[in-house]
Amino acid sequence: MPIRSEHTIAFSGLKDGRHDFHYAVGAPFFQDRSDEEVHDADLRVTVELDKSPNMLVTLIHVSGTVQVDCDHCNTPLDFPLEGDQRQIFRFTGQDPDSDDEEIVGLDPHAHEVDLGHYIYECVRLALPIRRVHAPGQCDPEVELSDEPASPNEDTDAPDPRWKALEALKDQRS
């Protein structure tokens, strides 16, 4: 028998209509999914479930902070996060013939649905591709290495190898 997730909603005993569920998500949630990018998290998840006889419509709202590495200096960055995702579960027994990824087929005899995967998906989609500290907040050592060369350095001096090639070119002409 599979272990029941804390994000599983037993909907069979619920009346038709809207129901709200609240969860706290931390680092263990991401460790269970072998996510190496998220080091820590303090997230609040609200799930609005609208139950009807032939489907469940869920709206997942996630807010809080996650700790990831800064893409610029590679030090920990507490990143504020806010995201929403709608997921529809139809009691069809198979995945619908729709190309719409927010519609998922659910066994008509099912009595619960695990939203852990969909919560994880919502968090990952809310994270931007590039995650960096605010200007001036990165590791000072990295900031120094990004500064342009000082004007005293002669970066415009031609490479002596090019002079030799120019001389060969002039000889052939």
Foldseek 3Di string as FASTA:
>chain_A
DDDDDPQKDQCQPPDAAKDKDKDWDWQVLVVVVVNPFFRIWTKIWMWIWGDDLFKIKIKIWIWGWTWGAAPQQRDIDTHTWIWIDIAMEGQDCAQDPDPDPRYGYDHVPDRMDRCSVVNVVRRVVRDDPHGHDDPPPHDVVSVVVPDDDDPVDCPVDDDVVVVVVVVVVVVVD
